[in-house]
PDB file of N, CA and C in Angstrom:
ATOM      1  N   MET A   1      -6.927  -8.476  22.531  1.00  0.00           N
ATOM      2  CA  MET A   1      -6.197  -6.706  22.749  1.00  0.00           C
ATOM      3  C   MET A   1      -7.205  -6.370  21.677  1.00  0.00           C
ATOM      4  N   GLU A   2      -7.919  -5.056  21.300  1.00  0.00           N
ATOM      5  CA  GLU A   2      -7.959  -5.180  20.020  1.00  0.00           C
ATOM      6  C   GLU A   2      -6.873  -3.573  19.746  1.00  0.00           C
ATOM      7  N   LYS A   3      -7.330  -3.557  18.240  1.00  0.00           N
ATOM      8  CA  LYS A   3      -6.324  -2.417  17.891  1.00  0.00           C
ATOM      9  C   LYS A   3      -7.271  -1.691  16.775  1.00  0.00           C
ATOM     10  N   ARG A   4      -7.355  -1.003  17.035  1.00  0.00           N
ATOM     11  CA  ARG A   4      -7.607  -0.326  15.299  1.00  0.00           C
ATOM     12  C   ARG A   4      -6.516  -0.024  14.502  1.00  0.00           C
ATOM     13  N   GLN A   5      -6.769   0.476  13.079  1.00  0.00           N
ATOM     14  CA  GLN A   5      -6.098   0.902  12.513  1.00  0.00           C
ATOM     15  C   GLN A   5      -6.570   1.633  11.581  1.00  0.00           C
ATOM     16  N   ALA A   6      -5.976   2.847  10.899  1.00  0.00           N
ATOM     17  CA  ALA A   6      -6.890   3.997   9.479  1.00  0.00           C
ATOM     18  C   ALA A   6      -5.727   3.741   8.994  1.00  0.00           C
ATOM     19  N   PHE A   7      -6.069   3.902   7.812  1.00  0.00           N
ATOM     20  CA  PHE A   7      -4.760   4.082   6.372  1.00  0.00           C
ATOM     21  C   PHE A   7      -5.418   5.317   5.584  1.00  0.00           C
ATOM     22  N   LYS A   8      -4.758   5.806   4.983  1.00  0.00           N
ATOM     23  CA  LYS A   8      -5.843   6.387   3.456  1.00  0.00           C
ATOM     24  C   LYS A   8      -4.263   5.416   2.099  1.00  0.00           C
ATOM     25  N   MET A   9      -5.040   5.203   0.629  1.00  0.00           N
ATOM     26  CA  MET A   9      -5.013   5.107   0.162  1.00  0.00           C
ATOM     27  C   MET A   9      -5.539   6.010  -1.445  1.00  0.00           C
ATOM     28  N   HIS A  10      -4.369   5.374  -2.155  1.00  0.00           N
ATOM     29  CA  HIS A  10      -4.924   6.342  -3.464  1.00  0.00           C
ATOM     30  C   HIS A  10      -5.345   6.066  -5.232  1.00  0.00           C
ATOM     31  N   LEU A  11      -6.261   5.698  -5.509  1.00  0.00           N
ATOM     32  CA  LEU A  11      -6.914   5.645  -6.763  1.00  0.00           C
ATOM     33  C   LEU A  11      -6.482   6.115  -7.901  1.00  0.00           C
ATOM     34  N   LYS A  12      -6.694   5.871  -8.372  1.00  0.00           N
ATOM     35  CA  LYS A  12      -5.929   6.419  -9.896  1.00  0.00           C
ATOM     36  C   LYS A  12      -7.449   7.373 -10.407  1.00  0.00           C
ATOM     37  N   LYS A  13      -7.414   8.340 -11.067  1.00  0.00           N
ATOM     38  CA  LYS A  13      -9.277   8.244 -11.192  1.00  0.00           C
ATOM     39  C   LYS A  13      -9.625   7.552 -12.610  1.00  0.00           C
ATOM     40  N   GLY A  14     -10.598   7.689 -12.461  1.00  0.00           N
ATOM     41  CA  GLY A  14     -11.678   6.959 -13.723  1.00  0.00           C
ATOM     42  C   GLY A  14     -11.904   5.641 -13.375  1.00  0.00           C
ATOM     43  N   PHE A  15     -11.220   4.853 -11.802  1.00  0.00           N
ATOM     44  CA  PHE A  15     -11.117   3.640 -12.050  1.00  0.00           C
ATOM     45  C   PHE A  15     -12.291   2.957 -10.755  1.00  0.00           C
ATOM     46  N   GLU A  16     -13.503   4.183 -10.315  1.00  0.00           N
ATOM     47  CA  GLU A  16     -14.195   4.555  -8.940  1.00  0.00           C
ATOM     48  C   GLU A  16     -15.054   3.175  -8.637  1.00  0.00           C
ATOM     49  N   GLU A  17     -15.693   3.499 -10.077  1.00  0.00           N
ATOM     50  CA  GLU A  17     -16.751   1.301 -10.204  1.00  0.00           C
ATOM     51  C   GLU A  17     -15.482   0.657 -10.228  1.00  0.00           C
ATOM     52  N   GLU A  18     -14.814   0.831 -11.271  1.00  0.00           N
ATOM     53  CA  GLU A  18     -14.005  -1.204 -10.896  1.00  0.00           C
ATOM     54  C   GLU A  18     -13.358  -1.492  -9.321  1.00  0.00           C
ATOM     55  N   TYR A  19     -13.035  -0.766  -8.563  1.00  0.00           N
ATOM     56  CA  TYR A  19     -12.294  -0.797  -7.636  1.00  0.00           C
ATOM     57  C   TYR A  19     -13.627  -1.616  -6.951  1.00  0.00           C
ATOM     58  N   GLU A  20     -15.117  -0.863  -6.764  1.00  0.00           N
ATOM     59  CA  GLU A  20     -15.589  -1.289  -5.956  1.00  0.00           C
ATOM     60  C   GLU A  20     -16.051  -2.676  -6.732  1.00  0.00           C
ATOM     61  N   TYR A  21     -15.984  -2.797  -7.887  1.00  0.00           N
ATOM     62  CA  TYR A  21     -16.779  -4.854  -8.444  1.00  0.00           C
ATOM     63  C   TYR A  21     -15.521  -5.437  -7.447  1.00  0.00           C
ATOM     64  N   ARG A  22     -14.459  -5.010  -8.328  1.00  0.00           N
ATOM     65  CA  ARG A  22     -13.453  -6.053  -7.390  1.00  0.00           C
ATOM     66  C   ARG A  22     -13.301  -6.317  -5.827  1.00  0.00           C
ATOM     67  N   HIS A  23     -13.637  -5.335  -4.735  1.00  0.00           N
ATOM     68  CA  HIS A  23     -13.892  -5.242  -3.032  1.00  0.00           C
ATOM     69  C   HIS A  23     -15.483  -6.509  -3.362  1.00  0.00           C
ATOM     70  N   ALA A  24     -16.447  -5.524  -3.769  1.00  0.00           N
ATOM     71  CA  ALA A  24     -17.542  -6.321  -4.548  1.00  0.00           C
ATOM     72  C   ALA A  24     -17.146  -8.449  -4.483  1.00  0.00           C
ATOM     73  N   HIS A  25     -15.943  -9.143  -5.309  1.00  0.00           N
ATOM     74  CA  HIS A  25     -15.840 -10.029  -5.447  1.00  0.00           C
ATOM     75  C   HIS A  25     -15.055 -10.405  -5.469  1.00  0.00           C
ATOM     76  N   ILE A  26     -14.724  -9.779  -3.595  1.00  0.00           N
ATOM     77  CA  ILE A  26     -12.838 -10.227  -3.300  1.00  0.00           C
ATOM     78  C   ILE A  26     -12.316 -11.818  -2.957  1.00  0.00           C
ATOM     79  N   TRP A  27     -11.514 -11.920  -3.589  1.00  0.00           N
ATOM     80  CA  TRP A  27     -11.074 -13.422  -3.512  1.00  0.00           C
ATOM     81  C   TRP A  27     -11.303 -14.502  -2.789  1.00  0.00           C
ATOM     82  N   PRO A  28     -11.492 -15.711  -1.973  1.00  0.00           N
ATOM     83  CA  PRO A  28     -12.447 -16.183  -1.169  1.00  0.00           C
ATOM     84  C   PRO A  28     -10.985 -15.855  -0.208  1.00  0.00           C
ATOM     85  N   GLU A  29     -10.034 -16.372  -0.493  1.00  0.00           N
ATOM     86  CA  GLU A  29      -8.110 -16.628   0.466  1.00  0.00           C
ATOM     87  C   GLU A  29      -8.158 -15.825   0.500  1.00  0.00           C
ATOM     88  N   VAL A  30      -8.133 -14.818  -0.267  1.00  0.00           N
ATOM     89  CA  VAL A  30      -7.312 -13.105   0.442  1.00  0.00           C
ATOM     90  C   VAL A  30      -8.685 -13.017   1.871  1.00  0.00           C
ATOM     91  N   ARG A  31      -9.328 -13.089   2.342  1.00  0.00           N
ATOM     92  CA  ARG A  31     -10.970 -12.639   3.165  1.00  0.00           C
ATOM     93  C   ARG A  31     -10.123 -13.160   4.367  1.00  0.00           C
ATOM     94  N   LYS A  32     -10.222 -14.913   3.317  1.00  0.00           N
ATOM     95  CA  LYS A  32     -10.528 -16.140   4.552  1.00  0.00           C
ATOM     96  C   LYS A  32      -8.483 -15.156   5.491  1.00  0.00           C
ATOM     97  N   LEU A  33      -7.217 -14.915   4.329  1.00  0.00           N
ATOM     98  CA  LEU A  33      -5.965 -14.117   4.753  1.00  0.00           C
ATOM     99  C   LEU A  33      -6.585 -12.872   6.178  1.00  0.00           C
ATOM    100  N   LEU A  34      -7.691 -12.775   6.126  1.00  0.00           N
ATOM    101  CA  LEU A  34      -7.497 -11.276   6.249  1.00  0.00           C
ATOM    102  C   LEU A  34      -8.441 -11.725   8.326  1.00  0.00           C
ATOM    103  N   GLU A  35      -9.749 -12.420   7.870  1.00  0.00           N
ATOM    104  CA  GLU A  35      -9.890 -12.571   9.055  1.00  0.00           C
ATOM    105  C   GLU A  35      -8.578 -13.883  10.068  1.00  0.00           C
ATOM    106  N   ASP A  36      -8.090 -14.011   9.253  1.00  0.00           N
ATOM    107  CA  ASP A  36      -7.203 -15.536   9.770  1.00  0.00           C
ATOM    108  C   ASP A  36      -6.073 -14.367  10.841  1.00  0.00           C
ATOM    109  N   SER A  37      -5.814 -13.687  10.719  1.00  0.00           N
ATOM    110  CA  SER A  37      -5.239 -12.692  10.549  1.00  0.00           C
ATOM    111  C   SER A  37      -5.178 -11.540  11.629  1.00  0.00           C
ATOM    112  N   GLY A  38      -6.935 -11.582  12.009  1.00  0.00           N
ATOM    113  CA  GLY A  38      -7.311 -11.363  13.034  1.00  0.00           C
ATOM    114  C   GLY A  38      -8.585  -9.555  12.956  1.00  0.00           C
ATOM    115  N   VAL A  39      -8.687  -9.739  11.738  1.00  0.00           N
ATOM    116  CA  VAL A  39      -9.110  -8.406  11.281  1.00  0.00           C
ATOM    117  C   VAL A  39     -10.696  -8.893  10.775  1.00  0.00           C
ATOM    118  N   TYR A  40     -11.181  -8.056  11.439  1.00  0.00           N
ATOM    119  CA  TYR A  40     -13.453  -8.524  11.825  1.00  0.00           C
ATOM    120  C   TYR A  40     -13.998  -7.197  11.474  1.00  0.00           C
ATOM    121  N   ASP A  41     -13.158  -6.270  11.214  1.00  0.00           N
ATOM    122  CA  ASP A  41     -14.024  -4.970  10.714  1.00  0.00           C
ATOM    123  C   ASP A  41     -13.562  -4.281   9.658  1.00  0.00           C
ATOM    124  N   TYR A  42     -14.411  -4.202   8.350  1.00  0.00           N
ATOM    125  CA  TYR A  42     -12.957  -3.445   7.887  1.00  0.00           C
ATOM    126  C   TYR A  42     -13.801  -2.622   6.464  1.00  0.00           C
ATOM    127  N   SER A  43     -13.859  -0.974   6.830  1.00  0.00           N
ATOM    128  CA  SER A  43     -14.124  -0.906   6.139  1.00  0.00           C
ATOM    129  C   SER A  43     -13.456   0.349   4.793  1.00  0.00           C
ATOM    130  N   ILE A  44     -13.538   0.748   3.635  1.00  0.00           N
ATOM    131  CA  ILE A  44     -12.932   1.187   2.466  1.00  0.00           C
ATOM    132  C   ILE A  44     -13.775   2.618   2.588  1.00  0.00           C
ATOM    133  N   TYR A  45     -13.597   3.997   2.494  1.00  0.00           N
ATOM    134  CA  TYR A  45     -13.874   5.006   2.328  1.00  0.00           C
ATOM    135  C   TYR A  45     -13.234   5.771   0.919  1.00  0.00           C
ATOM    136  N   LEU A  46     -14.460   5.998  -0.757  1.00  0.00           N
ATOM    137  CA  LEU A  46     -14.080   6.882  -1.323  1.00  0.00           C
ATOM    138  C   LEU A  46     -14.312   7.639  -0.865  1.00  0.00           C
ATOM    139  N   ASP A  47     -13.291   9.439  -1.055  1.00  0.00           N
ATOM    140  CA  ASP A  47     -13.598  10.085  -1.659  1.00  0.00           C
ATOM    141  C   ASP A  47     -13.338  10.558  -3.545  1.00  0.00           C
ATOM    142  N   LYS A  48     -14.771  10.830  -3.357  1.00  0.00           N
ATOM    143  CA  LYS A  48     -14.535  11.116  -5.011  1.00  0.00           C
ATOM    144  C   LYS A  48     -13.641  12.023  -5.823  1.00  0.00           C
ATOM    145  N   GLU A  49     -13.638  12.878  -5.710  1.00  0.00           N
ATOM    146  CA  GLU A  49     -13.242  14.406  -6.194  1.00  0.00           C
ATOM    147  C   GLU A  49     -12.038  13.751  -5.517  1.00  0.00           C
ATOM    148  N   THR A  50     -10.652  13.258  -4.874  1.00  0.00           N
ATOM    149  CA  THR A  50      -9.932  13.402  -4.819  1.00  0.00           C
ATOM    150  C   THR A  50      -8.788  11.814  -4.722  1.00  0.00           C
ATOM    151  N   GLY A  51      -9.754  10.938  -4.937  1.00  0.00           N
ATOM    152  CA  GLY A  51      -9.244   9.333  -4.902  1.00  0.00           C
ATOM    153  C   GLY A  51      -8.871   8.943  -4.294  1.00  0.00           C
ATOM    154  N   THR A  52      -8.592   9.442  -2.916  1.00  0.00           N
ATOM    155  CA  THR A  52      -8.169   8.759  -2.161  1.00  0.00           C
ATOM    156  C   THR A  52      -9.402   8.099  -0.793  1.00  0.00           C
ATOM    157  N   LEU A  53      -8.788   7.323  -0.443  1.00  0.00           N
ATOM    158  CA  LEU A  53      -9.046   5.959  -0.392  1.00  0.00           C
ATOM    159  C   LEU A  53      -8.789   6.081   1.670  1.00  0.00           C
ATOM    160  N   PHE A  54      -9.328   6.543   2.232  1.00  0.00           N
ATOM    161  CA  PHE A  54      -9.752   6.113   3.653  1.00  0.00           C
ATOM    162  C   PHE A  54     -10.669   4.223   3.901  1.00  0.00           C
ATOM    163  N   ALA A  55      -9.543   3.630   5.050  1.00  0.00           N
ATOM    164  CA  ALA A  55      -9.063   2.911   5.336  1.00  0.00           C
ATOM    165  C   ALA A  55      -9.766   2.308   7.048  1.00  0.00           C
ATOM    166  N   PHE A  56     -10.619   1.980   7.524  1.00  0.00           N
ATOM    167  CA  PHE A  56     -10.142   1.894   8.922  1.00  0.00           C
ATOM    168  C   PHE A  56     -10.832   0.226   9.194  1.00  0.00           C
ATOM    169  N   GLN A  57      -9.966  -0.210  10.008  1.00  0.00           N
ATOM    170  CA  GLN A  57     -10.032  -1.664  10.305  1.00  0.00           C
ATOM    171  C   GLN A  57      -9.953  -1.612  11.783  1.00  0.00           C
ATOM    172  N   LYS A  58     -11.188  -3.380  11.996  1.00  0.00           N
ATOM    173  CA  LYS A  58     -10.231  -3.526  13.761  1.00  0.00           C
ATOM    174  C   LYS A  58      -9.930  -4.525  13.391  1.00  0.00           C
ATOM    175  N   ASN A  59      -8.507  -4.900  14.329  1.00  0.00           N
ATOM    176  CA  ASN A  59      -7.960  -6.100  14.842  1.00  0.00           C
ATOM    177  C   ASN A  59      -8.204  -6.947  15.611  1.00  0.00           C
ATOM    178  N   ARG A  60      -7.772  -8.575  16.038  1.00  0.00           N
ATOM    179  CA  ARG A  60      -7.762  -8.782  17.186  1.00  0.00           C
ATOM    180  C   ARG A  60      -6.568  -9.191  17.199  1.00  0.00           C
ATOM    181  N   GLY A  61      -5.835  -8.182  18.130  1.00  0.00           N
ATOM    182  CA  GLY A  61      -4.243  -8.700  18.024  1.00  0.00           C
ATOM    183  C   GLY A  61      -3.573  -7.174  17.969  1.00  0.00           C
ATOM    184  N   GLN A  62      -1.868  -7.574  17.876  1.00  0.00           N
ATOM    185  CA  GLN A  62      -1.027  -6.718  17.067  1.00  0.00           C
ATOM    186  C   GLN A  62      -1.093  -6.375  15.638  1.00  0.00           C
ATOM    187  N   SER A  63      -1.991  -7.266  14.649  1.00  0.00           N
ATOM    188  CA  SER A  63      -1.201  -7.430  13.180  1.00  0.00           C
ATOM    189  C   SER A  63      -2.891  -6.908  12.835  1.00  0.00           C
ATOM    190  N   GLY A  64      -2.800  -7.573  11.223  1.00  0.00           N
ATOM    191  CA  GLY A  64      -4.306  -6.510  10.432  1.00  0.00           C
ATOM    192  C   GLY A  64      -3.585  -6.629   9.151  1.00  0.00           C
ATOM    193  N   SER A  65      -4.205  -5.977   8.308  1.00  0.00           N
ATOM    194  CA  SER A  65      -4.163  -6.324   6.387  1.00  0.00           C
ATOM    195  C   SER A  65      -2.803  -5.730   6.446  1.00  0.00           C
ATOM    196  N   GLN A  66      -2.274  -5.015   6.929  1.00  0.00           N
ATOM    197  CA  GLN A  66      -0.996  -4.141   6.114  1.00  0.00           C
ATOM    198  C   GLN A  66       0.267  -5.193   6.407  1.00  0.00           C
ATOM    199  N   ASP A  67       0.256  -6.277   7.421  1.00  0.00           N
ATOM    200  CA  ASP A  67       1.340  -6.624   7.858  1.00  0.00           C
ATOM    201  C   ASP A  67       1.555  -8.217   7.216  1.00  0.00           C
ATOM    202  N   LEU A  68       0.738  -8.372   6.256  1.00  0.00           N
ATOM    203  CA  LEU A  68       0.586  -9.774   5.278  1.00  0.00           C
ATOM    204  C   LEU A  68       0.695  -9.544   3.768  1.00  0.00           C
ATOM    205  N   GLY A  69       1.565  -9.293   3.997  1.00  0.00           N
ATOM    206  CA  GLY A  69       3.068  -8.984   2.405  1.00  0.00           C
ATOM    207  C   GLY A  69       3.576  -9.350   1.703  1.00  0.00           C
ATOM    208  N   GLN A  70       3.709 -10.550   2.959  1.00  0.00           N
ATOM    209  CA  GLN A  70       5.215 -11.938   3.255  1.00  0.00           C
ATOM    210  C   GLN A  70       3.060 -13.423   2.163  1.00  0.00           C
ATOM    211  N   GLU A  71       2.246 -12.894   2.391  1.00  0.00           N
ATOM    212  CA  GLU A  71       1.094 -14.024   1.817  1.00  0.00           C
ATOM    213  C   GLU A  71       1.887 -13.878   0.217  1.00  0.00           C
ATOM    214  N   GLU A  72       1.707 -14.859  -0.337  1.00  0.00           N
ATOM    215  CA  GLU A  72       1.613 -15.157  -2.195  1.00  0.00           C
ATOM    216  C   GLU A  72      -0.045 -14.144  -2.240  1.00  0.00           C
ATOM    217  N   ALA A  73      -1.483 -15.081  -2.186  1.00  0.00           N
ATOM    218  CA  ALA A  73      -2.289 -14.235  -2.221  1.00  0.00           C
ATOM    219  C   ALA A  73      -2.923 -12.874  -2.200  1.00  0.00           C
ATOM    220  N   ILE A  74      -2.425 -12.800  -0.467  1.00  0.00           N
ATOM    221  CA  ILE A  74      -1.731 -10.937  -0.744  1.00  0.00           C
ATOM    222  C   ILE A  74      -1.478 -10.580  -1.837  1.00  0.00           C
ATOM    223  N   ARG A  75       0.222 -10.444  -2.384  1.00  0.00           N
ATOM    224  CA  ARG A  75       0.747 -10.214  -3.401  1.00  0.00           C
ATOM    225  C   ARG A  75       0.017 -10.697  -4.845  1.00  0.00           C
ATOM    226  N   ARG A  76      -1.026 -11.681  -5.042  1.00  0.00           N
ATOM    227  CA  ARG A  76      -1.320 -11.985  -6.178  1.00  0.00           C
ATOM    228  C   ARG A  76      -2.749 -10.550  -6.053  1.00  0.00           C
ATOM    229  N   TRP A  77      -2.795 -10.915  -4.998  1.00  0.00           N
ATOM    230  CA  TRP A  77      -4.170  -9.422  -5.034  1.00  0.00           C
ATOM    231  C   TRP A  77      -3.334  -7.777  -5.517  1.00  0.00           C
ATOM    232  N   TRP A  78      -2.219  -7.596  -5.225  1.00  0.00           N
ATOM    233  CA  TRP A  78      -1.367  -6.159  -5.016  1.00  0.00           C
ATOM    234  C   TRP A  78      -1.804  -6.534  -6.746  1.00  0.00           C
ATOM    235  N   ALA A  79      -0.830  -7.157  -6.913  1.00  0.00           N
ATOM    236  CA  ALA A  79      -0.766  -7.368  -8.619  1.00  0.00           C
ATOM    237  C   ALA A  79      -2.105  -6.886  -9.120  1.00  0.00           C
ATOM    238  N   PHE A  80      -2.752  -7.540  -8.980  1.00  0.00           N
ATOM    239  CA  PHE A  80      -4.151  -7.431  -9.821  1.00  0.00           C
ATOM    240  C   PHE A  80      -4.852  -5.897  -9.280  1.00  0.00           C
ATOM    241  N   MET A  81      -4.335  -5.697  -8.175  1.00  0.00           N
ATOM    242  CA  MET A  81      -4.941  -3.958  -8.030  1.00  0.00           C
ATOM    243  C   MET A  81      -4.255  -2.318  -8.201  1.00  0.00           C
ATOM    244  N   ALA A  82      -3.183  -2.761  -9.167  1.00  0.00           N
ATOM    245  CA  ALA A  82      -1.949  -2.211  -8.945  1.00  0.00           C
ATOM    246  C   ALA A  82      -1.995  -1.082 -11.323  1.00  0.00           C
ATOM    247  N   ASP A  83      -3.326  -1.624 -11.309  1.00  0.00           N
ATOM    248  CA  ASP A  83      -3.465  -0.990 -12.601  1.00  0.00           C
ATOM    249  C   ASP A  83      -4.455  -0.096 -11.884  1.00  0.00           C
ATOM    250  N   ILE A  84      -4.590   0.251 -11.087  1.00  0.00           N
ATOM    251  CA  ILE A  84      -6.322   0.718 -10.698  1.00  0.00           C
ATOM    252  C   ILE A  84      -5.657   2.306  -9.569  1.00  0.00           C
ATOM    253  N   MET A  85      -4.660   1.528  -9.021  1.00  0.00           N
ATOM    254  CA  MET A  85      -4.091   2.374  -7.166  1.00  0.00           C
ATOM    255  C   MET A  85      -2.417   3.175  -7.608  1.00  0.00           C
ATOM    256  N   GLU A  86      -2.291   3.988  -7.183  1.00  0.00           N
ATOM    257  CA  GLU A  86      -0.670   3.648  -6.959  1.00  0.00           C
ATOM    258  C   GLU A  86       0.029   2.692  -6.471  1.00  0.00           C
ATOM    259  N   THR A  87       0.975   2.413  -6.402  1.00  0.00           N
ATOM    260  CA  THR A  87       1.438   1.192  -5.923  1.00  0.00           C
ATOM    261  C   THR A  87       3.192   1.310  -5.488  1.00  0.00           C
ATOM    262  N   ASN A  88       3.474   0.889  -4.381  1.00  0.00           N
ATOM    263  CA  ASN A  88       5.387   0.657  -4.087  1.00  0.00           C
ATOM    264  C   ASN A  88       5.482  -0.497  -5.098  1.00  0.00           C
ATOM    265  N   PRO A  89       7.208   0.141  -4.918  1.00  0.00           N
ATOM    266  CA  PRO A  89       7.864  -0.332  -5.891  1.00  0.00           C
ATOM    267  C   PRO A  89       7.155  -2.205  -6.097  1.00  0.00           C
ATOM    268  N   ASP A  90       7.655  -2.835  -4.590  1.00  0.00           N
ATOM    269  CA  ASP A  90       7.119  -3.711  -4.462  1.00  0.00           C
ATOM    270  C   ASP A  90       6.312  -4.160  -4.268  1.00  0.00           C
ATOM    271  N   GLY A  91       5.140  -3.894  -5.509  1.00  0.00           N
ATOM    272  CA  GLY A  91       3.561  -3.867  -6.048  1.00  0.00           C
ATOM    273  C   GLY A  91       2.926  -3.880  -4.574  1.00  0.00           C
ATOM    274  N   SER A  92       2.829  -3.481  -3.658  1.00  0.00           N
ATOM    275  CA  SER A  92       2.505  -3.253  -2.621  1.00  0.00           C
ATOM    276  C   SER A  92       1.637  -1.452  -2.721  1.00  0.00           C
ATOM    277  N   PRO A  93       0.027  -1.351  -2.284  1.00  0.00           N
ATOM    278  CA  PRO A  93      -0.435  -0.652  -2.600  1.00  0.00           C
ATOM    279  C   PRO A  93       0.457   0.188  -2.149  1.00  0.00           C
ATOM    280  N   VAL A  94       0.042   1.981  -1.892  1.00  0.00           N
ATOM    281  CA  VAL A  94       0.854   3.509  -0.985  1.00  0.00           C
ATOM    282  C   VAL A  94       0.188   3.020  -0.293  1.00  0.00           C
ATOM    283  N   SER A  95       0.404   3.048   0.833  1.00  0.00           N
ATOM    284  CA  SER A  95      -0.072   3.568   2.453  1.00  0.00           C
ATOM    285  C   SER A  95       0.039   4.424   4.026  1.00  0.00           C
ATOM    286  N   ILE A  96      -0.829   5.506   3.511  1.00  0.00           N
ATOM    287  CA  ILE A  96       0.010   6.090   4.931  1.00  0.00           C
ATOM    288  C   ILE A  96      -0.890   6.064   6.066  1.00  0.00           C
ATOM    289  N   PRO A  97      -0.224   5.223   7.092  1.00  0.00           N
ATOM    290  CA  PRO A  97      -1.241   5.039   8.217  1.00  0.00           C
ATOM    291  C   PRO A  97      -1.122   6.637   9.119  1.00  0.00           C
ATOM    292  N   LEU A  98      -2.679   6.667   9.531  1.00  0.00           N
ATOM    293  CA  LEU A  98      -3.131   8.301  10.203  1.00  0.00           C
ATOM    294  C   LEU A  98      -3.352   7.591  11.305  1.00  0.00           C
ATOM    295  N   ASP A  99      -3.418   8.264  12.408  1.00  0.00           N
ATOM    296  CA  ASP A  99      -2.848   8.314  13.916  1.00  0.00           C
ATOM    297  C   ASP A  99      -4.165   8.244  14.189  1.00  0.00           C
ATOM    298  N   GLU A 100      -4.670   7.993  15.766  1.00  0.00           N
ATOM    299  CA  GLU A 100      -6.813   8.020  15.512  1.00  0.00           C
ATOM    300  C   GLU A 100      -5.973   9.523  16.528  1.00  0.00           C
ATOM    301  N   VAL A 101      -7.011   9.886  16.252  1.00  0.00           N
ATOM    302  CA  VAL A 101      -6.787  11.168  17.116  1.00  0.00           C
ATOM    303  C   VAL A 101      -7.795  11.713  18.426  1.00  0.00           C
ATOM    304  N   PHE A 102      -8.921  10.552  18.057  1.00  0.00           N
ATOM    305  CA  PHE A 102     -10.555  10.465  19.218  1.00  0.00           C
ATOM    306  C   PHE A 102     -10.905   9.679  18.225  1.00  0.00           C
ATOM    307  N   HIS A 103     -11.465   8.765  19.951  1.00  0.00           N
ATOM    308  CA  HIS A 103     -12.677   7.858  19.561  1.00  0.00           C
ATOM    309  C   HIS A 103     -13.884   7.715  20.793  1.00  0.00           C
ATOM    310  N   MET A 104     -15.026   7.979  20.311  1.00  0.00           N
ATOM    311  CA  MET A 104     -15.618   7.515  20.992  1.00  0.00           C
ATOM    312  C   MET A 104     -16.694   6.250  20.973  1.00  0.00           C
ATOM    313  N   ASP A 105     -16.178   5.177  22.489  1.00  0.00           N
ATOM    314  CA  ASP A 105     -17.736   4.238  22.087  1.00  0.00           C
ATOM    315  C   ASP A 105     -19.259   4.056  22.578  1.00  0.00           C
TER     316      ASP A 105
END
């Protein structure tokens, strides 16, 4: 079963290039956790005017990146990203799920 997920996050102003740099050099253990969890198509887009990050991913099965918060490498990644993103008290990025209202193959 395939599942598509979309969500938005928020980048702090002035960190656009740093965000891109960090994701261009994503840690291999984070990439592996994503792949092992079933994420196989993952894109993040930035609205530079508002700092809104729009993420879209396809997952094999019912889990995805948003379900990996118990993994130590993911928690370290969150801490690494916390200085440039809005975060929750547990260090996770503020992530707002979006409902799919249209899809065309």
